N, C-alpha and C. Protein backbone atom coordinates (compact mmCIF):
# COMPACT_ATOMS: atom_id res chain seq x y z
N MET A 1 133.45 -58.45 91.93
CA MET A 1 134.97 -57.94 91.89
C MET A 1 135.72 -58.20 90.50
N VAL A 2 135.40 -59.44 89.95
CA VAL A 2 136.36 -59.77 88.85
C VAL A 2 134.90 -59.07 88.01
N LEU A 3 133.86 -59.13 87.76
CA LEU A 3 133.10 -58.58 86.65
C LEU A 3 132.91 -56.71 86.87
N ALA A 4 133.78 -56.26 88.07
CA ALA A 4 133.65 -54.70 87.91
C ALA A 4 134.94 -54.52 87.55
N ALA A 5 135.60 -55.15 87.92
CA ALA A 5 137.47 -54.67 86.92
C ALA A 5 137.14 -54.89 85.50
N LEU A 6 135.69 -55.95 84.87
CA LEU A 6 135.46 -56.65 83.18
C LEU A 6 135.36 -55.48 82.75
N THR A 7 134.14 -54.56 83.75
CA THR A 7 133.75 -53.47 82.81
C THR A 7 133.72 -52.66 82.79
N ILE A 8 134.74 -52.08 83.46
CA ILE A 8 136.20 -50.70 84.00
C ILE A 8 136.68 -51.43 82.23
N ILE A 9 137.27 -52.39 82.60
CA ILE A 9 138.14 -52.68 81.00
C ILE A 9 137.60 -52.77 79.70
N LEU A 10 136.13 -52.99 79.82
CA LEU A 10 135.80 -53.15 78.16
C LEU A 10 134.92 -51.38 78.12
N ARG A 11 134.64 -50.55 78.99
CA ARG A 11 134.90 -49.24 78.79
C ARG A 11 135.41 -48.58 78.21
N ARG A 12 136.76 -48.95 78.79
CA ARG A 12 138.23 -48.10 78.63
C ARG A 12 137.76 -48.51 76.73
N LEU A 13 138.14 -49.90 77.09
CA LEU A 13 138.90 -50.00 75.44
C LEU A 13 137.42 -49.28 73.92
N GLU A 14 136.20 -49.31 74.76
CA GLU A 14 135.81 -48.97 73.70
C GLU A 14 135.87 -47.34 73.77
N ALA A 15 136.33 -46.51 74.53
CA ALA A 15 136.50 -45.58 74.87
C ALA A 15 137.84 -44.70 73.78
N VAL A 16 138.27 -46.04 73.44
CA VAL A 16 139.47 -45.77 72.75
C VAL A 16 139.18 -45.77 71.27
N GLN A 17 138.25 -46.73 70.52
CA GLN A 17 137.65 -46.81 69.57
C GLN A 17 137.05 -45.38 69.07
N ARG A 18 136.44 -44.88 70.53
CA ARG A 18 135.41 -43.61 70.20
C ARG A 18 136.53 -42.79 69.62
N ARG A 19 137.10 -42.62 70.61
CA ARG A 19 138.62 -41.70 70.21
C ARG A 19 139.25 -41.08 69.00
N PHE A 20 139.79 -42.70 68.42
CA PHE A 20 140.23 -43.25 67.58
C PHE A 20 139.62 -42.61 66.41
N THR A 21 137.90 -42.69 66.27
CA THR A 21 137.30 -42.42 65.24
C THR A 21 136.63 -41.07 65.28
N LYS A 22 136.73 -40.76 66.21
CA LYS A 22 137.03 -39.07 66.03
C LYS A 22 137.87 -38.31 65.48
N LYS A 23 138.72 -38.32 65.78
CA LYS A 23 140.37 -37.62 65.16
C LYS A 23 140.15 -38.15 63.40
N LEU A 24 139.61 -39.10 62.79
CA LEU A 24 139.70 -39.39 61.48
C LEU A 24 139.23 -38.02 60.72
N VAL A 25 139.90 -37.82 59.86
CA VAL A 25 139.40 -36.59 58.82
C VAL A 25 138.01 -36.24 58.31
N GLY A 26 137.04 -35.29 58.63
CA GLY A 26 135.78 -34.98 58.60
C GLY A 26 134.82 -35.60 59.54
N LEU A 27 135.83 -36.53 60.45
CA LEU A 27 134.68 -37.28 60.96
C LEU A 27 134.20 -36.49 62.71
N HIS A 28 135.08 -35.28 62.84
CA HIS A 28 134.94 -34.92 64.07
C HIS A 28 133.50 -34.08 64.86
N ALA A 29 132.88 -34.06 63.52
CA ALA A 29 131.31 -33.32 64.55
C ALA A 29 130.35 -34.37 64.05
N LEU A 30 130.25 -35.44 63.67
CA LEU A 30 129.50 -36.78 64.09
C LEU A 30 129.82 -37.15 65.41
N THR A 31 127.97 -37.77 65.58
CA THR A 31 128.52 -38.30 67.02
C THR A 31 129.19 -39.76 66.49
N TYR A 32 129.34 -40.36 67.70
CA TYR A 32 130.14 -41.40 67.40
C TYR A 32 129.44 -42.81 66.69
N THR A 33 127.97 -42.75 67.24
CA THR A 33 127.26 -43.33 66.46
C THR A 33 127.40 -43.20 64.78
N GLU A 34 127.21 -42.27 64.49
CA GLU A 34 127.21 -41.54 63.01
C GLU A 34 128.33 -42.36 62.43
N ARG A 35 129.47 -41.96 63.06
CA ARG A 35 131.02 -42.39 62.51
C ARG A 35 131.01 -43.66 62.25
N LEU A 36 130.76 -44.62 63.46
CA LEU A 36 130.66 -46.14 63.52
C LEU A 36 130.21 -46.56 62.21
N GLU A 37 129.01 -46.02 61.70
CA GLU A 37 127.71 -46.18 60.71
C GLU A 37 128.86 -45.91 59.52
N LEU A 38 129.07 -44.49 59.13
CA LEU A 38 129.84 -44.13 58.26
C LEU A 38 130.90 -45.22 57.50
N LEU A 39 131.94 -45.59 58.81
CA LEU A 39 132.82 -46.34 58.61
C LEU A 39 132.39 -47.89 58.22
N GLY A 40 131.73 -48.28 58.71
CA GLY A 40 131.02 -49.90 58.66
C GLY A 40 130.86 -50.67 59.89
N LEU A 41 131.51 -49.64 60.92
CA LEU A 41 131.62 -51.04 61.93
C LEU A 41 130.64 -50.42 63.25
N GLU A 42 131.02 -51.70 64.22
CA GLU A 42 129.65 -51.70 64.94
C GLU A 42 130.91 -51.66 66.24
N ARG A 43 130.01 -51.18 67.51
CA ARG A 43 130.41 -51.14 68.92
C ARG A 43 131.07 -52.38 69.39
N LEU A 44 132.32 -52.13 69.91
CA LEU A 44 133.08 -52.96 70.69
C LEU A 44 131.84 -54.24 71.39
N GLU A 45 131.42 -53.54 71.78
CA GLU A 45 130.45 -54.66 72.42
C GLU A 45 129.13 -55.29 71.76
N SER A 46 129.04 -54.83 70.63
CA SER A 46 127.95 -55.87 70.03
C SER A 46 128.72 -56.46 69.35
N ARG A 47 130.09 -56.18 68.68
CA ARG A 47 131.27 -57.66 68.39
C ARG A 47 131.06 -59.01 69.83
N ARG A 48 131.66 -58.41 70.37
CA ARG A 48 131.52 -59.07 71.69
C ARG A 48 130.55 -60.22 71.80
N ILE A 49 129.21 -59.39 71.72
CA ILE A 49 127.99 -60.37 71.81
C ILE A 49 128.11 -61.07 70.97
N ARG A 50 128.59 -61.13 69.29
CA ARG A 50 127.92 -61.96 68.52
C ARG A 50 129.60 -62.99 68.79
N ALA A 51 130.20 -62.77 69.04
CA ALA A 51 131.64 -63.73 69.25
C ALA A 51 130.92 -64.69 70.28
N ASP A 52 130.21 -64.04 71.22
CA ASP A 52 129.92 -65.03 72.12
C ASP A 52 128.96 -65.94 71.54
N ILE A 53 128.02 -65.04 70.90
CA ILE A 53 126.64 -66.37 70.96
C ILE A 53 127.43 -67.32 69.52
N LEU A 54 128.25 -66.68 68.68
CA LEU A 54 128.88 -67.56 67.81
C LEU A 54 129.83 -69.14 68.27
N PHE A 55 130.30 -68.55 69.17
CA PHE A 55 130.91 -69.67 70.63
C PHE A 55 130.29 -70.61 70.56
N ALA A 56 129.01 -70.07 71.69
CA ALA A 56 128.35 -71.13 71.83
C ALA A 56 127.24 -71.93 70.81
N TYR A 57 126.91 -71.40 69.81
CA TYR A 57 126.27 -72.54 68.81
C TYR A 57 127.15 -73.19 68.39
N LYS A 58 128.67 -73.15 68.06
CA LYS A 58 129.80 -73.63 67.57
C LYS A 58 130.18 -74.94 68.56
N LEU A 59 129.76 -74.53 70.25
CA LEU A 59 129.73 -75.87 71.14
C LEU A 59 128.63 -76.12 70.72
N LEU A 60 127.38 -76.05 71.04
CA LEU A 60 126.18 -76.74 70.73
C LEU A 60 126.12 -77.74 69.68
N PHE A 61 126.99 -77.86 68.73
CA PHE A 61 126.83 -78.41 67.49
C PHE A 61 128.17 -78.91 66.47
N GLY A 62 128.75 -78.65 68.23
CA GLY A 62 130.05 -79.56 68.09
C GLY A 62 131.15 -79.50 67.40
N MET A 63 131.20 -78.09 66.43
CA MET A 63 131.68 -78.00 65.54
C MET A 63 133.41 -77.08 66.60
N THR A 64 133.65 -77.71 67.67
CA THR A 64 135.16 -76.99 68.39
C THR A 64 135.10 -78.59 68.80
N ALA A 65 136.31 -78.51 69.51
CA ALA A 65 136.95 -80.15 69.85
C ALA A 65 136.78 -79.78 71.79
N LEU A 66 135.82 -78.51 71.91
CA LEU A 66 135.22 -78.87 73.41
C LEU A 66 133.79 -79.07 73.08
N HIS A 67 133.28 -79.44 74.55
CA HIS A 67 131.93 -80.40 74.40
C HIS A 67 131.28 -79.26 75.25
N SER A 68 129.74 -79.06 74.77
CA SER A 68 129.20 -77.96 74.94
C SER A 68 128.53 -78.67 76.30
N ASP A 69 128.32 -79.84 77.15
CA ASP A 69 128.04 -80.37 78.56
C ASP A 69 129.27 -79.37 79.90
N ASP A 70 130.75 -79.28 78.84
CA ASP A 70 131.75 -78.53 79.83
C ASP A 70 131.17 -77.95 80.26
N PHE A 71 129.78 -76.78 79.79
CA PHE A 71 129.42 -75.47 79.64
C PHE A 71 128.22 -74.92 79.68
N PHE A 72 127.34 -75.58 78.87
CA PHE A 72 125.54 -75.53 79.37
C PHE A 72 124.86 -76.76 79.69
N ILE A 73 123.69 -76.92 80.31
CA ILE A 73 123.15 -77.58 80.38
C ILE A 73 121.74 -77.60 79.80
N LEU A 74 121.70 -78.60 78.95
CA LEU A 74 119.91 -78.40 77.63
C LEU A 74 118.94 -78.86 78.25
N THR A 75 117.86 -78.34 78.23
CA THR A 75 116.74 -78.08 78.71
C THR A 75 116.29 -79.69 78.54
N GLU A 76 115.72 -79.93 79.24
CA GLU A 76 114.85 -81.66 79.31
C GLU A 76 113.58 -81.42 78.16
N SER A 77 113.18 -80.17 78.23
CA SER A 77 111.45 -80.26 78.39
C SER A 77 111.20 -79.88 76.76
N THR A 78 110.55 -80.67 76.08
CA THR A 78 109.92 -79.84 74.93
C THR A 78 109.26 -79.11 74.61
N CYS A 79 108.59 -78.37 75.79
CA CYS A 79 108.27 -77.27 75.37
C CYS A 79 108.72 -75.76 75.30
N THR A 80 109.73 -75.30 74.27
CA THR A 80 110.49 -74.30 74.00
C THR A 80 110.01 -73.81 72.96
N ILE A 81 109.67 -72.22 72.46
CA ILE A 81 109.25 -71.51 71.67
C ILE A 81 110.17 -71.69 70.42
N GLY A 82 109.66 -71.89 69.36
CA GLY A 82 110.93 -72.14 68.26
C GLY A 82 111.93 -73.30 67.51
N HIS A 83 112.19 -73.41 69.01
CA HIS A 83 113.29 -74.60 68.86
C HIS A 83 113.74 -75.31 70.19
N PRO A 84 114.31 -77.15 70.08
CA PRO A 84 114.50 -77.20 71.55
C PRO A 84 115.44 -77.25 71.53
N TYR A 85 116.34 -76.31 71.97
CA TYR A 85 117.32 -75.66 72.53
C TYR A 85 117.07 -74.62 73.76
N LYS A 86 117.13 -74.83 74.57
CA LYS A 86 117.06 -73.97 75.65
C LYS A 86 118.57 -74.40 76.54
N LEU A 87 119.57 -73.50 77.09
CA LEU A 87 120.68 -73.67 77.35
C LEU A 87 120.31 -72.90 78.92
N PHE A 88 121.11 -73.96 79.84
CA PHE A 88 121.24 -73.39 81.78
C PHE A 88 122.57 -73.33 81.77
N LEU A 89 123.14 -72.43 82.32
CA LEU A 89 124.14 -72.82 82.58
C LEU A 89 124.10 -73.22 84.44
N PRO A 90 125.20 -73.95 84.58
CA PRO A 90 125.14 -75.08 85.50
C PRO A 90 125.66 -74.50 86.84
N ARG A 91 125.05 -74.87 87.86
CA ARG A 91 125.69 -74.09 89.08
C ARG A 91 127.67 -74.15 89.48
N CYS A 92 127.60 -73.31 89.92
CA CYS A 92 129.54 -73.79 89.68
C CYS A 92 129.49 -72.93 91.15
N SER A 93 131.21 -73.29 91.69
CA SER A 93 131.68 -72.98 93.00
C SER A 93 132.96 -71.68 92.41
N THR A 94 133.70 -72.14 91.22
CA THR A 94 134.89 -71.56 91.02
C THR A 94 134.46 -70.32 90.13
N ASP A 95 134.99 -68.70 90.15
CA ASP A 95 135.26 -67.95 89.62
C ASP A 95 135.07 -67.80 87.91
N VAL A 96 136.20 -69.07 87.83
CA VAL A 96 136.40 -68.94 86.22
C VAL A 96 134.99 -69.47 85.69
N ARG A 97 133.85 -70.69 86.02
CA ARG A 97 132.60 -71.31 85.48
C ARG A 97 131.60 -69.97 85.92
N LYS A 98 132.04 -69.34 87.26
CA LYS A 98 130.93 -68.93 87.03
C LYS A 98 131.21 -67.16 86.37
N TYR A 99 131.96 -66.57 86.23
CA TYR A 99 131.61 -65.81 85.47
C TYR A 99 131.77 -66.07 83.66
N PHE A 100 131.52 -66.98 83.20
CA PHE A 100 132.03 -67.32 81.92
C PHE A 100 130.32 -66.56 81.74
N LEU A 101 131.05 -65.91 80.08
CA LEU A 101 129.96 -65.24 79.26
C LEU A 101 129.42 -63.86 80.41
N PRO A 102 129.99 -63.24 81.38
CA PRO A 102 129.67 -62.75 82.73
C PRO A 102 128.24 -61.66 81.88
N PRO A 103 128.23 -60.86 80.84
CA PRO A 103 127.02 -60.00 80.91
C PRO A 103 126.11 -60.81 80.33
N TYR A 104 125.71 -61.50 79.87
CA TYR A 104 124.53 -62.98 80.16
C TYR A 104 124.40 -63.37 80.67
N ARG A 105 125.13 -63.66 82.01
CA ARG A 105 124.42 -64.75 82.84
C ARG A 105 123.18 -64.45 83.50
N LYS A 106 122.57 -63.74 83.70
CA LYS A 106 121.58 -63.54 84.27
C LYS A 106 120.75 -63.42 83.34
N SER A 107 120.69 -63.24 81.80
CA SER A 107 119.45 -63.71 81.14
C SER A 107 119.56 -65.50 80.57
N LEU A 108 120.61 -65.82 81.01
CA LEU A 108 120.44 -67.58 80.96
C LEU A 108 119.89 -67.92 82.14
N GLU A 109 120.22 -67.93 83.26
CA GLU A 109 119.39 -68.60 84.87
C GLU A 109 117.90 -68.74 84.74
């Protein structure tokens, strides 16, 4: 329920950017991707993903006042490809923890 509502809100936000860029002079005939490229912008979804990854990085390496143990569990295994950091989301019973980083939750489990 919460995830569905979040998805609807995110689609509406993306639609606002799509409409705004279409109203700019000389960009009406271009596709949304072409308009973003010409303006040096990215899709809002890409920006959200980048912000979430940066936040996870800062949590992991202690660059925030928060502790990564409250959000992630690091693997004990030494057999990770490329780096020793494999993150797991802890099991949770509340929706607040359950929907932390909602689009990526499935890929982290």
